[in-house]
């Protein structure tokens, strides 16, 4: 067993001791249940850890991560997480968080056969296709990658809004609200893209409405 692997268990032991020193009942309370206010959908990149960058404690954020923070309704993993978070955990906020210098986004802009990654990265290539005119007009390659990261977050937020469980609960409770973030590895800061959630609802309602209700009008009546 490598020394670096053993260190993980030593770190865990120290973490347990520090938590018990702060609160002897910490793990007793932690084991009861979870009531997270946030669902965080992020990238699997090892440099981007949700709880640490958000400054949250165990039990406050429900997390799912994959390559380039993609929300694909054919992916049972991400859709199951979203439905569980919305219907059972009753999260009030769904955050899609991308990050600059994302390897998945860069790979999607590279004309190369990447084997099993091809169908996954096609989701990001589709984002490029939808916004090709804007992206191709950006001469600086690094800035073009950054912009695709932002646009990918926006499109994944729209994919979240397309889900019936999100629409149905939003009509009844005005939650969850969907947010698009980008984490800047170069500064350590979270950037809120300030995506207009209600405008997105209104723009796509005719096509993606699964409730036979007016989402925005229903919200204003409640």
Protein backbone atom coordinates (compact mmCIF):
# COMPACT_ATOMS: atom_id res chain seq x y z
CA UNK A 1 0.00 0.00 0.00
CA UNK A 2 1.48 3.36 -1.02
CA UNK A 3 2.26 5.96 1.60
CA UNK A 4 0.08 8.54 -0.17
CA UNK A 5 -2.91 6.17 0.14
CA UNK A 6 -2.30 5.64 3.86
CA UNK A 7 -2.21 9.40 4.38
CA UNK A 8 -5.90 9.57 3.47
CA UNK A 9 -6.85 7.47 6.49
CA UNK A 10 -4.57 9.48 8.74
CA UNK A 11 -6.24 12.64 7.48
CA UNK A 12 -9.64 11.13 8.15
CA UNK A 13 -8.64 10.27 11.71
CA UNK A 14 -7.49 13.83 12.32
CA UNK A 15 -10.70 15.18 10.81
CA UNK A 16 -12.83 13.02 13.10
CA UNK A 17 -10.85 14.16 16.11
CA UNK A 18 -11.17 17.82 15.17
CA UNK A 19 -14.93 17.55 14.66
CA UNK A 20 -15.44 15.79 17.99
CA UNK A 21 -13.33 18.42 19.71
CA UNK A 22 -15.62 21.12 18.30
CA UNK A 23 -18.84 19.23 19.01
CA UNK A 24 -19.03 15.81 20.74
CA UNK A 25 -22.45 15.23 19.11
CA UNK A 26 -21.35 16.17 15.58
CA UNK A 27 -21.53 12.68 14.06
CA UNK A 28 -24.62 11.75 16.06
CA UNK A 29 -26.45 14.70 14.48
CA UNK A 30 -24.87 14.14 11.06
CA UNK A 31 -26.15 10.55 10.95
CA UNK A 32 -29.78 11.51 11.50
CA UNK A 33 -30.70 12.91 8.07
CA UNK A 34 -29.78 15.55 5.51
CA UNK A 35 -31.53 18.81 4.70
CA UNK A 36 -29.45 20.47 1.98
CA UNK A 37 -30.66 23.74 0.55
CA UNK A 38 -28.55 23.35 -2.59
CA UNK A 39 -28.06 20.85 -5.37
CA UNK A 40 -24.65 21.39 -6.95
CA UNK A 41 -24.02 20.00 -10.44
CA UNK A 42 -20.33 20.40 -11.20
CA UNK A 43 -17.36 19.11 -13.11
CA UNK A 44 -15.38 16.05 -11.98
CA UNK A 45 -12.13 18.06 -12.20
CA UNK A 46 -10.10 17.31 -9.08
CA UNK A 47 -9.35 21.00 -8.57
CA UNK A 48 -12.99 22.00 -8.19
CA UNK A 49 -14.58 20.76 -4.97
CA UNK A 50 -18.06 22.06 -4.24
CA UNK A 51 -18.09 22.26 -0.45
CA UNK A 52 -14.66 23.84 -0.18
CA UNK A 53 -15.20 26.60 -2.73
CA UNK A 54 -18.68 27.33 -1.31
CA UNK A 55 -17.51 27.26 2.31
CA UNK A 56 -20.33 24.93 3.33
CA UNK A 57 -20.57 22.20 5.95
CA UNK A 58 -21.50 18.50 5.62
CA UNK A 59 -25.24 18.18 4.99
CA UNK A 60 -25.67 21.58 3.33
CA UNK A 61 -25.01 20.68 -0.32
CA UNK A 62 -26.18 17.70 -2.37
CA UNK A 63 -23.56 17.10 -5.05
CA UNK A 64 -23.25 15.38 -8.41
CA UNK A 65 -20.27 15.80 -10.72
CA UNK A 66 -19.30 14.59 -14.19
CA UNK A 67 -17.04 15.62 -17.05
CA UNK A 68 -17.84 19.25 -17.96
CA UNK A 69 -20.93 19.47 -15.71
CA UNK A 70 -23.30 18.10 -18.36
CA UNK A 71 -27.01 17.57 -17.71
CA UNK A 72 -28.20 15.02 -20.23
CA UNK A 73 -31.70 13.67 -19.71
CA UNK A 74 -30.58 10.33 -21.18
CA UNK A 75 -28.03 10.06 -18.37
CA UNK A 76 -29.88 8.24 -15.58
CA UNK A 77 -27.29 9.22 -13.01
CA UNK A 78 -27.71 13.00 -13.27
CA UNK A 79 -31.47 12.88 -13.81
CA UNK A 80 -31.97 10.60 -10.80
CA UNK A 81 -29.91 12.94 -8.64
CA UNK A 82 -31.93 15.96 -9.77
CA UNK A 83 -35.27 14.26 -9.23
CA UNK A 84 -34.28 13.01 -5.78
CA UNK A 85 -32.98 16.44 -4.78
CA UNK A 86 -36.09 18.22 -6.02
CA UNK A 87 -38.82 15.83 -4.90
CA UNK A 88 -37.40 14.29 -1.73
CA UNK A 89 -34.73 16.59 -0.36
CA UNK A 90 -36.71 19.68 -1.42
CA UNK A 91 -33.67 21.74 -2.35
CA UNK A 92 -34.46 25.38 -3.07
CA UNK A 93 -31.56 26.07 -5.38
CA UNK A 94 -29.98 24.09 -8.22
CA UNK A 95 -26.52 25.28 -9.18
CA UNK A 96 -24.78 24.28 -12.40
CA UNK A 97 -21.12 25.19 -11.94
CA UNK A 98 -18.53 25.04 -14.69
CA UNK A 99 -14.95 26.24 -14.49
CA UNK A 100 -12.49 27.97 -16.75
CA UNK A 101 -9.71 25.81 -18.21
CA UNK A 102 -12.09 22.85 -18.31
CA UNK A 103 -10.46 19.88 -20.02
CA UNK A 104 -13.81 18.51 -21.18
CA UNK A 105 -14.73 21.75 -22.91
CA UNK A 106 -11.31 21.96 -24.56
CA UNK A 107 -11.60 18.35 -25.74
CA UNK A 108 -15.00 19.10 -27.26
CA UNK A 109 -13.43 21.84 -29.36
CA UNK A 110 -10.68 19.54 -30.60
CA UNK A 111 -11.16 17.63 -33.90
CA UNK A 112 -10.07 14.28 -32.51
CA UNK A 113 -11.59 10.82 -32.02
CA UNK A 114 -11.68 10.30 -28.26
CA UNK A 115 -13.41 6.92 -28.25
CA UNK A 116 -15.98 6.44 -25.50
CA UNK A 117 -15.80 10.13 -24.67
CA UNK A 118 -17.23 11.06 -28.09
CA UNK A 119 -20.96 10.73 -27.26
CA UNK A 120 -20.49 12.55 -23.94
CA UNK A 121 -18.52 15.42 -25.45
CA UNK A 122 -21.08 15.69 -28.23
CA UNK A 123 -23.30 17.44 -25.70
CA UNK A 124 -20.74 20.25 -25.51
CA UNK A 125 -20.14 20.23 -29.26
CA UNK A 126 -23.89 20.83 -29.61
CA UNK A 127 -23.53 23.90 -27.40
CA UNK A 128 -20.77 25.09 -29.73
CA UNK A 129 -23.06 24.51 -32.72
CA UNK A 130 -25.88 26.53 -31.14
CA UNK A 131 -23.55 29.47 -30.47
CA UNK A 132 -21.08 29.01 -33.32
CA UNK A 133 -21.37 32.52 -34.74
CA UNK A 134 -20.58 34.15 -31.40
CA UNK A 135 -17.74 31.77 -30.58
CA UNK A 136 -16.07 31.87 -33.98
CA UNK A 137 -16.06 35.66 -33.81
CA UNK A 138 -13.76 35.48 -30.75
CA UNK A 139 -10.23 35.49 -32.14
CA UNK A 140 -8.41 34.82 -28.88
CA UNK A 141 -8.49 31.04 -28.37
CA UNK A 142 -8.34 31.22 -24.56
CA UNK A 143 -11.24 33.68 -24.44
CA UNK A 144 -13.20 31.48 -26.84
CA UNK A 145 -12.74 28.50 -24.49
CA UNK A 146 -13.83 30.63 -21.53
CA UNK A 147 -16.94 31.75 -23.35
CA UNK A 148 -17.86 28.18 -24.30
CA UNK A 149 -17.51 27.24 -20.62
CA UNK A 150 -20.07 29.94 -19.80
CA UNK A 151 -22.41 28.98 -22.63
CA UNK A 152 -22.17 25.32 -21.64
CA UNK A 153 -23.29 26.22 -18.12
CA UNK A 154 -26.20 28.20 -19.56
CA UNK A 155 -27.35 25.33 -21.77
CA UNK A 156 -27.08 22.82 -18.93
CA UNK A 157 -29.24 25.11 -16.80
CA UNK A 158 -31.81 25.02 -19.57
CA UNK A 159 -31.61 21.21 -19.57
CA UNK A 160 -32.40 21.26 -15.85
CA UNK A 161 -35.42 23.48 -16.46
CA UNK A 162 -36.69 21.04 -19.10
CA UNK A 163 -37.23 18.35 -16.46
CA UNK A 164 -40.83 17.72 -15.36
CA UNK A 165 -39.97 17.44 -11.66
CA UNK A 166 -38.39 20.91 -11.71
CA UNK A 167 -41.32 22.46 -13.57
CA UNK A 168 -43.98 20.85 -11.38
CA UNK A 169 -42.47 21.87 -8.06
CA UNK A 170 -41.71 25.37 -9.30
CA UNK A 171 -45.37 25.93 -10.10
CA UNK A 172 -46.45 24.87 -6.61
CA UNK A 173 -43.68 26.36 -4.46
CA UNK A 174 -41.73 28.85 -6.62
CA UNK A 175 -38.71 26.63 -6.03
CA UNK A 176 -36.21 25.34 -7.02
CA UNK A 177 -34.48 28.26 -8.70
CA UNK A 178 -31.72 27.38 -11.15
CA UNK A 179 -28.39 29.24 -11.10
CA UNK A 180 -25.40 29.18 -13.46
CA UNK A 181 -21.91 29.65 -12.00
CA UNK A 182 -18.36 29.53 -13.25
CA UNK A 183 -15.42 28.91 -10.94
CA UNK A 184 -12.30 30.81 -11.97
CA UNK A 185 -9.29 28.66 -11.13
CA UNK A 186 -7.03 31.64 -11.72
CA UNK A 187 -8.55 33.73 -8.93
CA UNK A 188 -10.47 31.24 -6.78
CA UNK A 189 -13.65 33.25 -7.22
CA UNK A 190 -17.16 32.04 -8.07
CA UNK A 191 -18.81 34.02 -10.86
CA UNK A 192 -22.61 34.14 -10.95
CA UNK A 193 -23.60 34.30 -14.62
CA UNK A 194 -26.88 35.88 -13.48
CA UNK A 195 -28.93 33.78 -15.86
CA UNK A 196 -32.48 35.12 -16.14
CA UNK A 197 -34.34 32.05 -14.86
CA UNK A 198 -37.86 33.36 -15.52
CA UNK A 199 -36.98 34.53 -19.03
CA UNK A 200 -35.64 31.06 -19.83
CA UNK A 201 -38.86 29.55 -18.52
CA UNK A 202 -40.91 31.86 -20.70
CA UNK A 203 -38.79 31.35 -23.82
CA UNK A 204 -38.84 27.56 -23.77
CA UNK A 205 -42.27 26.96 -22.28
CA UNK A 206 -44.08 26.39 -25.57
CA UNK A 207 -41.70 23.60 -26.52
CA UNK A 208 -40.73 21.98 -23.22
CA UNK A 209 -43.79 22.46 -21.03
CA UNK A 210 -44.62 19.12 -19.40
CA UNK A 211 -47.28 20.44 -17.02
CA UNK A 212 -49.99 22.07 -19.18
CA UNK A 213 -49.54 25.14 -16.99
CA UNK A 214 -48.13 28.62 -17.45
CA UNK A 215 -45.00 28.43 -15.29
CA UNK A 216 -44.34 32.16 -14.99
CA UNK A 217 -47.98 33.18 -14.62
CA UNK A 218 -48.54 30.41 -12.06
CA UNK A 219 -45.64 31.78 -10.05
CA UNK A 220 -47.05 35.30 -10.09
CA UNK A 221 -50.46 34.10 -8.94
CA UNK A 222 -49.10 32.23 -5.91
